[in-house]
Amino acid sequence: MTTFLNRITVDPEQCGGRPCIRGMRIRVSEVLDLFSAGLSAEQILSRDARLGNAGLAGVSDVCQPSY
């Protein structure tokens, strides 16, 4: 298992090896799709409170370009 920024994991045995929020089967791509659909962070958290602010921050961190 690979861990990114302590919040995102990649495990070949979980969700087909796609990046997920640590300890959950919530894929980063699912959260990004919700943001792309126009949902706010508050709306996303109201849909699944398990995600938490740390999970959203992890998704945001992964999407930040590193220069």
C-alpha atoms as a PDB file:
ATOM      1  CA  MET A   1       0.000   0.000   0.000  1.00  0.00           C
ATOM      2  CA  THR A   2       1.222   3.460  -0.887  1.00  0.00           C
ATOM      3  CA  THR A   3       0.278   6.515   1.197  1.00  0.00           C
ATOM      4  CA  PHE A   4       0.217  10.079  -0.096  1.00  0.00           C
ATOM      5  CA  LEU A   5       0.248  13.000   2.294  1.00  0.00           C
ATOM      6  CA  ASN A   6      -1.003  10.750   5.139  1.00  0.00           C
ATOM      7  CA  ARG A   7      -4.593  10.947   3.885  1.00  0.00           C
ATOM      8  CA  ILE A   8      -4.692   9.185   0.513  1.00  0.00           C
ATOM      9  CA  THR A   9      -3.808   5.530   0.015  1.00  0.00           C
ATOM     10  CA  VAL A  10      -3.342   3.317  -3.001  1.00  0.00           C
ATOM     11  CA  ASP A  11      -3.844  -0.364  -2.275  1.00  0.00           C
ATOM     12  CA  PRO A  12      -4.072  -2.901  -5.126  1.00  0.00           C
ATOM     13  CA  GLU A  13      -6.543  -4.882  -3.002  1.00  0.00           C
ATOM     14  CA  GLN A  14      -8.904  -1.942  -2.451  1.00  0.00           C
ATOM     15  CA  CYS A  15     -11.056  -0.249  -5.119  1.00  0.00           C
ATOM     16  CA  GLY A  16      -8.992  -1.689  -7.944  1.00  0.00           C
ATOM     17  CA  GLY A  17      -5.864   0.116  -6.810  1.00  0.00           C
ATOM     18  CA  ARG A  18      -7.377   3.568  -7.295  1.00  0.00           C
ATOM     19  CA  PRO A  19      -6.449   6.328  -4.816  1.00  0.00           C
ATOM     20  CA  CYS A  20      -8.817   6.353  -1.815  1.00  0.00           C
ATOM     21  CA  ILE A  21      -9.316   8.351   1.342  1.00  0.00           C
ATOM     22  CA  ARG A  22      -7.299   6.554   4.028  1.00  0.00           C
ATOM     23  CA  GLY A  23      -9.248   3.899   5.880  1.00  0.00           C
ATOM     24  CA  MET A  24     -12.312   4.190   3.636  1.00  0.00           C
ATOM     25  CA  ARG A  25     -13.460   2.939   0.294  1.00  0.00           C
ATOM     26  CA  ILE A  26     -14.147   6.448  -0.932  1.00  0.00           C
ATOM     27  CA  ARG A  27     -12.187   7.042  -4.117  1.00  0.00           C
ATOM     28  CA  VAL A  28     -10.526  10.384  -4.746  1.00  0.00           C
ATOM     29  CA  SER A  29     -12.170  10.405  -8.174  1.00  0.00           C
ATOM     30  CA  GLU A  30     -15.640  10.202  -6.560  1.00  0.00           C
ATOM     31  CA  VAL A  31     -14.945  13.294  -4.464  1.00  0.00           C
ATOM     32  CA  LEU A  32     -13.557  15.143  -7.487  1.00  0.00           C
ATOM     33  CA  ASP A  33     -16.673  14.223  -9.468  1.00  0.00           C
ATOM     34  CA  LEU A  34     -18.835  15.769  -6.742  1.00  0.00           C
ATOM     35  CA  PHE A  35     -16.799  18.979  -6.814  1.00  0.00           C
ATOM     36  CA  SER A  36     -16.997  18.998 -10.619  1.00  0.00           C
ATOM     37  CA  ALA A  37     -20.774  18.675 -10.383  1.00  0.00           C
ATOM     38  CA  GLY A  38     -20.806  21.929  -8.411  1.00  0.00           C
ATOM     39  CA  LEU A  39     -21.212  20.623  -4.866  1.00  0.00           C
ATOM     40  CA  SER A  40     -19.561  22.565  -2.074  1.00  0.00           C
ATOM     41  CA  ALA A  41     -17.398  20.963   0.610  1.00  0.00           C
ATOM     42  CA  GLU A  42     -20.301  21.293   3.051  1.00  0.00           C
ATOM     43  CA  GLN A  43     -22.665  19.514   0.657  1.00  0.00           C
ATOM     44  CA  ILE A  44     -20.180  16.696   0.123  1.00  0.00           C
ATOM     45  CA  LEU A  45     -19.678  16.278   3.871  1.00  0.00           C
ATOM     46  CA  SER A  46     -23.439  16.210   4.418  1.00  0.00           C
ATOM     47  CA  ARG A  47     -23.641  13.300   1.962  1.00  0.00           C
ATOM     48  CA  ASP A  48     -20.969  11.301   3.776  1.00  0.00           C
ATOM     49  CA  ALA A  49     -19.782  12.619   7.137  1.00  0.00           C
ATOM     50  CA  ARG A  50     -17.165   9.839   7.392  1.00  0.00           C
ATOM     51  CA  LEU A  51     -15.107  11.731   4.856  1.00  0.00           C
ATOM     52  CA  GLY A  52     -14.448  14.655   7.203  1.00  0.00           C
ATOM     53  CA  ASN A  53     -12.439  17.792   6.612  1.00  0.00           C
ATOM     54  CA  ALA A  54      -9.182  15.829   6.635  1.00  0.00           C
ATOM     55  CA  GLY A  55     -10.404  13.657   3.770  1.00  0.00           C
ATOM     56  CA  LEU A  56     -11.379  16.677   1.712  1.00  0.00           C
ATOM     57  CA  ALA A  57      -8.027  18.269   2.478  1.00  0.00           C
ATOM     58  CA  GLY A  58      -6.292  15.098   1.270  1.00  0.00           C
ATOM     59  CA  VAL A  59      -8.124  15.265  -2.044  1.00  0.00           C
ATOM     60  CA  SER A  60      -7.219  18.929  -2.357  1.00  0.00           C
ATOM     61  CA  ASP A  61      -3.562  18.204  -1.562  1.00  0.00           C
ATOM     62  CA  VAL A  62      -3.366  15.518  -4.247  1.00  0.00           C
ATOM     63  CA  CYS A  63      -4.749  17.940  -6.828  1.00  0.00           C
ATOM     64  CA  GLN A  64      -2.317  20.755  -6.015  1.00  0.00           C
ATOM     65  CA  PRO A  65       0.511  21.004  -8.527  1.00  0.00           C
ATOM     66  CA  SER A  66       3.978  20.773  -7.034  1.00  0.00           C
ATOM     67  CA  TYR A  67       6.511  23.037  -8.656  1.00  0.00           C
END
